[in-house]
Amino acid sequence: VFDGTYKEYLFTFKGLHPAANACDFMFQVSTNGGSSYGVSMTSSYLQSQHYENGSNQGINGRDGTVNSLANSTGFQSISTADGIGNDNDQCGVGIITLYDPSNTTFVKHFTFRGVNPNAGDYIVDTFVAGYFNTTSAIDAIQFKMASGNIDAGTFKLYGVS
C-alpha cells in the first residue's frame, strides 16, 4: 500500500544489477496513480568514490553538478553519471525515504543513501536529498535504468507511522 496510511515510506533495494553495462539507476513519482511520471523536483546530489586500485578517493563534485536537479520533471539519478557496472561483482544497494507523500498542503521531501560499484571499477557512496514541488498527493513511484532493463534486484516497501 502506497497511500495515506503512513507518514513516511522507505523503499529499499539490494542486489540491483543492470542488464547492460554502465547504466544510470533513477526514479520519479506520480500524482495520478502512475499514468504519468514527471513531478517537478529539486535535489542535491553528492558522492564519494574509491577505485579498486586504491586511487582517486574522495568527494566527486562533477557528478553532483550533473545529477542535481533544479525544478526538473526528469528522473532523479541515484547511481552515477557513468552508471552501475554489470560485472558479477557489481550491484547496488540503497534506501529512499519519502516523507508524508499524501499531504496536500506542503511539498514532499525525500532522501536517498546508497552504494554501488561503478562500471569503471570503483565504489561509489551516494547521498541525494530533495523535494517534489507539488501539493498533490504522491501515489506511485517508478524505478528504472536510463537504458536497458534491471537484470536483478530485490525491492521492498516499508511504511513508518
N, C-alpha and C. Protein backbone atom coordinates (compact mmCIF):
# COMPACT_ATOMS: atom_id res chain seq x y z
N VAL A 1 0.85 -1.19 0.00
CA VAL A 1 0.00 0.00 0.00
C VAL A 1 0.88 1.24 0.00
N PHE A 2 0.69 2.10 -0.95
CA PHE A 2 1.41 3.36 -1.04
C PHE A 2 0.36 4.47 -1.11
N ASP A 3 -0.14 4.84 0.07
CA ASP A 3 -1.21 5.83 0.16
C ASP A 3 -1.03 6.63 1.44
N GLY A 4 -2.09 7.14 2.02
CA GLY A 4 -2.01 7.95 3.23
C GLY A 4 -1.94 7.17 4.51
N THR A 5 -1.74 5.86 4.44
CA THR A 5 -1.68 5.03 5.65
C THR A 5 -0.53 5.45 6.55
N TYR A 6 0.61 5.78 5.96
CA TYR A 6 1.81 6.13 6.74
C TYR A 6 2.30 7.53 6.37
N LYS A 7 3.00 8.17 7.29
CA LYS A 7 3.58 9.50 7.07
C LYS A 7 4.96 9.41 6.43
N GLU A 8 5.53 8.20 6.43
CA GLU A 8 6.88 8.02 5.90
C GLU A 8 6.95 6.64 5.23
N TYR A 9 7.56 6.60 4.05
CA TYR A 9 7.74 5.34 3.33
C TYR A 9 9.21 5.12 3.03
N LEU A 10 9.67 3.89 3.25
CA LEU A 10 11.04 3.51 2.95
C LEU A 10 11.01 2.52 1.80
N PHE A 11 11.77 2.81 0.76
CA PHE A 11 11.94 1.91 -0.38
C PHE A 11 13.38 1.42 -0.31
N THR A 12 13.55 0.12 -0.14
CA THR A 12 14.90 -0.44 -0.09
C THR A 12 15.14 -1.31 -1.31
N PHE A 13 16.38 -1.37 -1.73
CA PHE A 13 16.75 -2.31 -2.79
C PHE A 13 18.12 -2.86 -2.49
N LYS A 14 18.32 -4.11 -2.90
CA LYS A 14 19.63 -4.75 -2.75
C LYS A 14 19.83 -5.68 -3.92
N GLY A 15 21.09 -5.96 -4.22
CA GLY A 15 21.42 -6.83 -5.35
C GLY A 15 21.00 -6.24 -6.69
N LEU A 16 20.92 -4.91 -6.79
CA LEU A 16 20.50 -4.25 -8.03
C LEU A 16 21.58 -4.42 -9.09
N HIS A 17 21.21 -5.01 -10.20
CA HIS A 17 22.16 -5.34 -11.25
C HIS A 17 21.54 -5.00 -12.59
N PRO A 18 22.17 -4.13 -13.40
CA PRO A 18 21.62 -3.80 -14.70
C PRO A 18 21.91 -4.88 -15.75
N ALA A 19 21.05 -4.98 -16.74
CA ALA A 19 21.29 -5.92 -17.85
C ALA A 19 22.45 -5.42 -18.71
N ALA A 20 22.49 -4.11 -18.98
CA ALA A 20 23.55 -3.52 -19.80
C ALA A 20 24.59 -2.87 -18.89
N ASN A 21 25.80 -2.72 -19.38
CA ASN A 21 26.87 -2.11 -18.58
C ASN A 21 26.73 -0.59 -18.54
N ALA A 22 27.14 -0.01 -17.43
CA ALA A 22 27.22 1.45 -17.26
C ALA A 22 25.85 2.11 -17.38
N CYS A 23 24.85 1.56 -16.69
CA CYS A 23 23.51 2.13 -16.72
C CYS A 23 23.25 2.96 -15.47
N ASP A 24 22.65 4.11 -15.67
CA ASP A 24 22.27 5.00 -14.58
C ASP A 24 20.94 4.53 -14.00
N PHE A 25 20.87 4.38 -12.67
CA PHE A 25 19.65 3.97 -11.98
C PHE A 25 18.94 5.22 -11.49
N MET A 26 17.63 5.30 -11.72
CA MET A 26 16.90 6.53 -11.45
C MET A 26 15.48 6.27 -10.97
N PHE A 27 14.84 7.33 -10.46
CA PHE A 27 13.45 7.23 -10.03
C PHE A 27 12.70 8.54 -10.25
N GLN A 28 11.38 8.43 -10.27
CA GLN A 28 10.47 9.57 -10.39
C GLN A 28 9.13 9.14 -9.80
N VAL A 29 8.29 10.09 -9.43
CA VAL A 29 7.00 9.80 -8.81
C VAL A 29 5.85 10.29 -9.67
N SER A 30 4.64 9.89 -9.24
CA SER A 30 3.43 10.25 -9.96
C SER A 30 2.37 10.74 -8.97
N THR A 31 1.50 11.61 -9.44
CA THR A 31 0.37 12.07 -8.64
C THR A 31 -0.96 11.60 -9.24
N ASN A 32 -0.89 10.74 -10.26
CA ASN A 32 -2.11 10.26 -10.91
C ASN A 32 -2.14 8.74 -11.04
N GLY A 33 -1.67 8.06 -10.00
CA GLY A 33 -1.72 6.60 -9.98
C GLY A 33 -0.78 5.91 -10.93
N GLY A 34 0.22 6.61 -11.44
CA GLY A 34 1.20 6.01 -12.34
C GLY A 34 0.87 6.17 -13.80
N SER A 35 -0.14 6.98 -14.14
CA SER A 35 -0.45 7.23 -15.55
C SER A 35 0.67 8.01 -16.22
N SER A 36 1.33 8.88 -15.45
CA SER A 36 2.48 9.62 -15.96
C SER A 36 3.44 9.90 -14.81
N TYR A 37 4.71 10.04 -15.16
CA TYR A 37 5.76 10.35 -14.19
C TYR A 37 6.47 11.60 -14.68
N GLY A 38 6.64 12.56 -13.82
CA GLY A 38 7.28 13.81 -14.22
C GLY A 38 6.93 14.94 -13.26
N VAL A 39 6.87 14.64 -11.97
CA VAL A 39 6.60 15.66 -10.97
C VAL A 39 7.86 16.51 -10.81
N SER A 40 7.71 17.81 -10.82
CA SER A 40 8.84 18.73 -10.70
C SER A 40 9.57 18.51 -9.38
N MET A 41 10.91 18.39 -9.44
CA MET A 41 11.69 18.21 -8.21
C MET A 41 12.98 19.01 -8.26
N THR A 42 13.45 19.34 -7.06
CA THR A 42 14.74 19.98 -6.87
C THR A 42 15.54 19.10 -5.93
N SER A 43 16.82 18.86 -6.25
CA SER A 43 17.61 17.92 -5.45
C SER A 43 19.07 18.35 -5.39
N SER A 44 19.75 17.76 -4.44
CA SER A 44 21.18 17.94 -4.27
C SER A 44 21.81 16.55 -4.26
N TYR A 45 22.87 16.34 -5.03
CA TYR A 45 23.50 15.04 -5.21
C TYR A 45 24.96 15.13 -4.81
N LEU A 46 25.42 14.18 -4.01
CA LEU A 46 26.82 14.15 -3.59
C LEU A 46 27.29 12.72 -3.58
N GLN A 47 28.53 12.49 -4.01
CA GLN A 47 29.09 11.14 -3.96
C GLN A 47 30.55 11.19 -3.57
N SER A 48 30.98 10.12 -2.94
CA SER A 48 32.42 9.91 -2.73
C SER A 48 32.76 8.60 -3.42
N GLN A 49 34.02 8.44 -3.78
CA GLN A 49 34.39 7.25 -4.54
C GLN A 49 35.78 6.78 -4.18
N HIS A 50 36.03 5.52 -4.50
CA HIS A 50 37.35 4.93 -4.28
C HIS A 50 37.55 3.81 -5.30
N TYR A 51 38.64 3.88 -6.07
CA TYR A 51 38.92 2.86 -7.08
C TYR A 51 39.44 1.57 -6.45
N GLU A 52 39.23 0.46 -7.14
CA GLU A 52 39.74 -0.83 -6.67
C GLU A 52 41.26 -0.82 -6.50
N ASN A 53 41.96 -0.03 -7.32
CA ASN A 53 43.43 0.01 -7.24
C ASN A 53 43.91 0.99 -6.16
N GLY A 54 42.99 1.61 -5.41
CA GLY A 54 43.36 2.49 -4.31
C GLY A 54 43.49 3.96 -4.66
N SER A 55 43.29 4.33 -5.91
CA SER A 55 43.46 5.73 -6.31
C SER A 55 42.14 6.49 -6.33
N ASN A 56 42.25 7.81 -6.49
CA ASN A 56 41.13 8.72 -6.70
C ASN A 56 40.05 8.60 -5.65
N GLN A 57 40.43 8.66 -4.42
CA GLN A 57 39.42 8.61 -3.37
C GLN A 57 38.97 10.01 -3.01
N GLY A 58 37.78 10.14 -2.48
CA GLY A 58 37.29 11.43 -2.01
C GLY A 58 35.99 11.82 -2.66
N ILE A 59 35.63 13.08 -2.47
CA ILE A 59 34.36 13.62 -2.97
C ILE A 59 34.50 13.93 -4.45
N ASN A 60 33.47 13.62 -5.20
CA ASN A 60 33.46 13.89 -6.64
C ASN A 60 32.39 14.93 -6.91
N GLY A 61 32.78 16.17 -7.13
CA GLY A 61 31.83 17.25 -7.36
C GLY A 61 31.23 17.25 -8.75
N ARG A 62 31.93 16.67 -9.71
CA ARG A 62 31.43 16.67 -11.09
C ARG A 62 30.06 16.03 -11.18
N ASP A 63 29.90 14.86 -10.56
CA ASP A 63 28.61 14.19 -10.64
C ASP A 63 27.54 14.91 -9.85
N GLY A 64 27.93 15.65 -8.81
CA GLY A 64 26.96 16.44 -8.08
C GLY A 64 26.31 17.48 -8.97
N THR A 65 27.10 18.09 -9.83
CA THR A 65 26.57 19.08 -10.77
C THR A 65 25.70 18.42 -11.82
N VAL A 66 26.13 17.28 -12.31
CA VAL A 66 25.39 16.58 -13.36
C VAL A 66 24.07 16.02 -12.84
N ASN A 67 24.08 15.46 -11.63
CA ASN A 67 22.91 14.73 -11.14
C ASN A 67 22.00 15.50 -10.20
N SER A 68 22.38 16.72 -9.79
CA SER A 68 21.48 17.56 -9.01
C SER A 68 20.44 18.15 -9.97
N LEU A 69 19.21 18.29 -9.50
CA LEU A 69 18.15 18.80 -10.35
C LEU A 69 17.64 20.13 -9.81
N ALA A 70 17.23 21.02 -10.71
CA ALA A 70 16.67 22.32 -10.35
C ALA A 70 15.31 22.46 -11.00
N ASN A 71 14.26 22.20 -10.23
CA ASN A 71 12.88 22.31 -10.71
C ASN A 71 12.70 21.54 -12.02
N SER A 72 13.16 20.29 -12.03
CA SER A 72 13.15 19.44 -13.21
C SER A 72 12.04 18.39 -13.12
N THR A 73 11.48 18.02 -14.25
CA THR A 73 10.49 16.94 -14.30
C THR A 73 11.12 15.63 -14.75
N GLY A 74 12.44 15.62 -14.88
CA GLY A 74 13.15 14.40 -15.28
C GLY A 74 13.28 13.42 -14.13
N PHE A 75 13.84 12.27 -14.43
CA PHE A 75 14.08 11.25 -13.41
C PHE A 75 15.33 11.61 -12.62
N GLN A 76 15.31 11.34 -11.32
CA GLN A 76 16.46 11.60 -10.44
C GLN A 76 17.43 10.45 -10.50
N SER A 77 18.68 10.73 -10.85
CA SER A 77 19.72 9.71 -10.81
C SER A 77 20.07 9.39 -9.37
N ILE A 78 20.20 8.11 -9.07
CA ILE A 78 20.66 7.71 -7.74
C ILE A 78 21.82 6.73 -7.85
N SER A 79 22.49 6.74 -8.99
CA SER A 79 23.74 5.98 -9.12
C SER A 79 24.83 6.96 -9.47
N THR A 80 25.46 6.85 -10.60
CA THR A 80 26.49 7.80 -11.01
C THR A 80 26.28 8.18 -12.46
N ALA A 81 26.95 9.22 -12.89
CA ALA A 81 26.84 9.63 -14.29
C ALA A 81 27.35 8.54 -15.22
N ASP A 82 28.33 7.75 -14.76
CA ASP A 82 28.89 6.67 -15.58
C ASP A 82 28.10 5.37 -15.45
N GLY A 83 27.24 5.26 -14.47
CA GLY A 83 26.36 4.12 -14.32
C GLY A 83 26.91 2.94 -13.55
N ILE A 84 25.99 2.07 -13.16
CA ILE A 84 26.32 0.85 -12.43
C ILE A 84 26.87 -0.18 -13.42
N GLY A 85 27.94 -0.85 -13.04
CA GLY A 85 28.51 -1.89 -13.89
C GLY A 85 27.68 -3.15 -13.85
N ASN A 86 27.81 -3.98 -14.90
CA ASN A 86 27.05 -5.23 -14.92
C ASN A 86 27.94 -6.45 -14.73
N ASP A 87 29.20 -6.26 -14.28
CA ASP A 87 30.03 -7.41 -13.91
C ASP A 87 29.37 -8.10 -12.71
N ASN A 88 29.68 -9.37 -12.50
CA ASN A 88 29.07 -10.10 -11.40
C ASN A 88 29.46 -9.56 -10.03
N ASP A 89 30.57 -8.81 -9.94
CA ASP A 89 30.94 -8.22 -8.65
C ASP A 89 30.45 -6.78 -8.53
N GLN A 90 29.48 -6.38 -9.34
CA GLN A 90 28.93 -5.03 -9.32
C GLN A 90 27.42 -5.07 -9.17
N CYS A 91 26.92 -4.61 -8.02
CA CYS A 91 25.48 -4.49 -7.80
C CYS A 91 25.25 -3.39 -6.77
N GLY A 92 24.11 -2.77 -6.81
CA GLY A 92 23.82 -1.63 -5.95
C GLY A 92 22.90 -1.98 -4.80
N VAL A 93 22.99 -1.17 -3.74
CA VAL A 93 22.10 -1.26 -2.58
C VAL A 93 21.72 0.16 -2.18
N GLY A 94 20.55 0.33 -1.58
CA GLY A 94 20.18 1.66 -1.13
C GLY A 94 18.82 1.73 -0.50
N ILE A 95 18.52 2.94 0.01
CA ILE A 95 17.23 3.20 0.65
C ILE A 95 16.78 4.62 0.32
N ILE A 96 15.54 4.74 -0.13
CA ILE A 96 14.92 6.03 -0.37
C ILE A 96 13.85 6.23 0.69
N THR A 97 13.84 7.38 1.32
CA THR A 97 12.80 7.73 2.27
C THR A 97 11.97 8.85 1.67
N LEU A 98 10.66 8.63 1.60
CA LEU A 98 9.73 9.64 1.09
C LEU A 98 8.84 10.06 2.26
N TYR A 99 8.84 11.36 2.54
CA TYR A 99 8.16 11.88 3.72
C TYR A 99 6.79 12.45 3.39
N ASP A 100 5.76 11.96 4.07
CA ASP A 100 4.38 12.46 4.01
C ASP A 100 3.87 12.64 2.58
N PRO A 101 3.92 11.59 1.77
CA PRO A 101 3.55 11.73 0.35
C PRO A 101 2.07 12.06 0.11
N SER A 102 1.19 11.78 1.07
CA SER A 102 -0.24 12.05 0.87
C SER A 102 -0.65 13.44 1.31
N ASN A 103 0.27 14.20 1.89
CA ASN A 103 -0.03 15.55 2.35
C ASN A 103 -0.42 16.42 1.16
N THR A 104 -1.50 17.17 1.28
CA THR A 104 -1.94 18.03 0.18
C THR A 104 -1.77 19.52 0.51
N THR A 105 -0.94 19.82 1.51
CA THR A 105 -0.64 21.20 1.87
C THR A 105 0.79 21.59 1.52
N PHE A 106 1.73 20.68 1.75
CA PHE A 106 3.14 21.01 1.59
C PHE A 106 3.81 20.17 0.50
N VAL A 107 5.01 20.60 0.07
CA VAL A 107 5.82 19.81 -0.87
C VAL A 107 6.26 18.53 -0.18
N LYS A 108 6.75 17.55 -0.94
CA LYS A 108 7.15 16.24 -0.39
C LYS A 108 8.66 16.09 -0.47
N HIS A 109 9.29 15.86 0.68
CA HIS A 109 10.74 15.70 0.76
C HIS A 109 11.15 14.24 0.62
N PHE A 110 12.38 14.02 0.14
CA PHE A 110 12.93 12.67 0.05
C PHE A 110 14.42 12.70 0.33
N THR A 111 14.94 11.56 0.76
CA THR A 111 16.37 11.36 0.91
C THR A 111 16.73 10.01 0.30
N PHE A 112 17.96 9.90 -0.15
CA PHE A 112 18.49 8.63 -0.66
C PHE A 112 19.89 8.44 -0.11
N ARG A 113 20.19 7.22 0.24
CA ARG A 113 21.54 6.83 0.67
C ARG A 113 21.81 5.47 0.05
N GLY A 114 22.89 5.34 -0.69
CA GLY A 114 23.19 4.06 -1.33
C GLY A 114 24.64 3.91 -1.74
N VAL A 115 24.96 2.68 -2.12
CA VAL A 115 26.31 2.32 -2.55
C VAL A 115 26.20 1.47 -3.81
N ASN A 116 27.05 1.76 -4.78
CA ASN A 116 27.09 0.90 -5.97
C ASN A 116 28.48 0.89 -6.58
N PRO A 117 28.87 -0.25 -7.16
CA PRO A 117 30.12 -0.33 -7.91
C PRO A 117 29.89 0.24 -9.31
N ASN A 118 30.72 1.17 -9.69
CA ASN A 118 30.62 1.81 -10.98
C ASN A 118 31.21 0.93 -12.07
N ALA A 119 30.80 1.16 -13.31
CA ALA A 119 31.33 0.41 -14.45
C ALA A 119 32.83 0.62 -14.62
N GLY A 120 33.37 1.71 -14.05
CA GLY A 120 34.81 1.99 -14.13
C GLY A 120 35.61 1.35 -13.01
N ASP A 121 35.04 0.37 -12.33
CA ASP A 121 35.70 -0.39 -11.26
C ASP A 121 36.07 0.47 -10.05
N TYR A 122 35.13 1.28 -9.62
CA TYR A 122 35.28 1.98 -8.35
C TYR A 122 33.95 1.94 -7.60
N ILE A 123 34.03 2.04 -6.29
CA ILE A 123 32.84 2.02 -5.45
C ILE A 123 32.38 3.45 -5.24
N VAL A 124 31.08 3.66 -5.25
CA VAL A 124 30.51 4.99 -5.11
C VAL A 124 29.54 5.00 -3.94
N ASP A 125 29.73 5.95 -3.04
CA ASP A 125 28.86 6.17 -1.89
C ASP A 125 28.06 7.42 -2.20
N THR A 126 26.73 7.29 -2.32
CA THR A 126 25.89 8.37 -2.84
C THR A 126 24.89 8.88 -1.82
N PHE A 127 24.73 10.19 -1.79
CA PHE A 127 23.72 10.88 -0.96
C PHE A 127 22.91 11.79 -1.87
N VAL A 128 21.59 11.69 -1.82
CA VAL A 128 20.73 12.58 -2.58
C VAL A 128 19.61 13.03 -1.64
N ALA A 129 19.26 14.30 -1.70
CA ALA A 129 18.13 14.83 -0.93
C ALA A 129 17.43 15.86 -1.78
N GLY A 130 16.13 15.99 -1.57
CA GLY A 130 15.40 16.98 -2.34
C GLY A 130 13.93 16.99 -2.00
N TYR A 131 13.17 17.64 -2.86
CA TYR A 131 11.73 17.69 -2.67
C TYR A 131 11.02 17.69 -4.01
N PHE A 132 9.80 17.15 -3.99
CA PHE A 132 8.90 17.20 -5.14
C PHE A 132 8.05 18.44 -4.96
N ASN A 133 8.07 19.31 -5.94
CA ASN A 133 7.40 20.60 -5.83
C ASN A 133 5.93 20.48 -6.22
N THR A 134 5.18 19.77 -5.38
CA THR A 134 3.76 19.60 -5.61
C THR A 134 3.03 19.52 -4.28
N THR A 135 1.82 20.03 -4.25
CA THR A 135 0.97 19.84 -3.07
C THR A 135 -0.05 18.74 -3.32
N SER A 136 -0.01 18.11 -4.49
CA SER A 136 -0.86 16.95 -4.76
C SER A 136 -0.27 15.73 -4.06
N ALA A 137 -1.10 14.79 -3.72
CA ALA A 137 -0.63 13.55 -3.09
C ALA A 137 0.17 12.74 -4.10
N ILE A 138 1.31 12.21 -3.66
CA ILE A 138 2.11 11.30 -4.47
C ILE A 138 1.61 9.89 -4.21
N ASP A 139 1.27 9.15 -5.28
CA ASP A 139 0.65 7.84 -5.08
C ASP A 139 1.31 6.71 -5.89
N ALA A 140 2.43 7.00 -6.55
CA ALA A 140 3.14 5.95 -7.29
C ALA A 140 4.60 6.38 -7.46
N ILE A 141 5.46 5.39 -7.62
CA ILE A 141 6.89 5.64 -7.83
C ILE A 141 7.39 4.67 -8.89
N GLN A 142 8.32 5.12 -9.73
CA GLN A 142 8.89 4.25 -10.75
C GLN A 142 10.42 4.25 -10.62
N PHE A 143 11.00 3.06 -10.66
CA PHE A 143 12.44 2.87 -10.69
C PHE A 143 12.80 2.32 -12.05
N LYS A 144 13.91 2.79 -12.64
CA LYS A 144 14.32 2.28 -13.94
C LYS A 144 15.79 2.57 -14.18
N MET A 145 16.35 1.88 -15.16
CA MET A 145 17.68 2.18 -15.66
C MET A 145 17.51 3.18 -16.80
N ALA A 146 18.50 4.04 -16.97
CA ALA A 146 18.43 5.03 -18.04
C ALA A 146 18.34 4.35 -19.41
N SER A 147 18.95 3.18 -19.54
CA SER A 147 18.83 2.37 -20.75
C SER A 147 18.86 0.90 -20.33
N GLY A 148 18.20 0.09 -21.08
CA GLY A 148 18.16 -1.34 -20.75
C GLY A 148 17.26 -1.62 -19.55
N ASN A 149 17.32 -2.85 -19.08
CA ASN A 149 16.45 -3.31 -18.00
C ASN A 149 17.22 -3.54 -16.71
N ILE A 150 16.47 -3.70 -15.63
CA ILE A 150 17.03 -4.16 -14.37
C ILE A 150 17.13 -5.68 -14.49
N ASP A 151 18.34 -6.21 -14.42
CA ASP A 151 18.58 -7.65 -14.57
C ASP A 151 18.22 -8.42 -13.31
N ALA A 152 18.50 -7.84 -12.14
CA ALA A 152 18.23 -8.50 -10.87
C ALA A 152 18.12 -7.44 -9.78
N GLY A 153 17.52 -7.82 -8.67
CA GLY A 153 17.40 -6.93 -7.52
C GLY A 153 16.17 -7.25 -6.72
N THR A 154 16.25 -6.96 -5.43
CA THR A 154 15.12 -7.14 -4.52
C THR A 154 14.70 -5.76 -4.03
N PHE A 155 13.44 -5.41 -4.26
CA PHE A 155 12.89 -4.13 -3.82
C PHE A 155 11.84 -4.39 -2.75
N LYS A 156 11.85 -3.57 -1.69
CA LYS A 156 10.86 -3.69 -0.62
C LYS A 156 10.36 -2.31 -0.24
N LEU A 157 9.10 -2.27 0.21
CA LEU A 157 8.45 -1.05 0.65
C LEU A 157 8.02 -1.22 2.09
N TYR A 158 8.38 -0.23 2.93
CA TYR A 158 8.00 -0.24 4.34
C TYR A 158 7.29 1.06 4.66
N GLY A 159 6.20 0.98 5.43
CA GLY A 159 5.51 2.16 5.92
C GLY A 159 5.90 2.41 7.37
N VAL A 160 6.16 3.69 7.72
CA VAL A 160 6.54 4.06 9.08
C VAL A 160 5.49 5.03 9.61
N SER A 161 4.93 4.72 10.76
CA SER A 161 3.89 5.57 11.35
C SER A 161 4.44 6.89 11.81
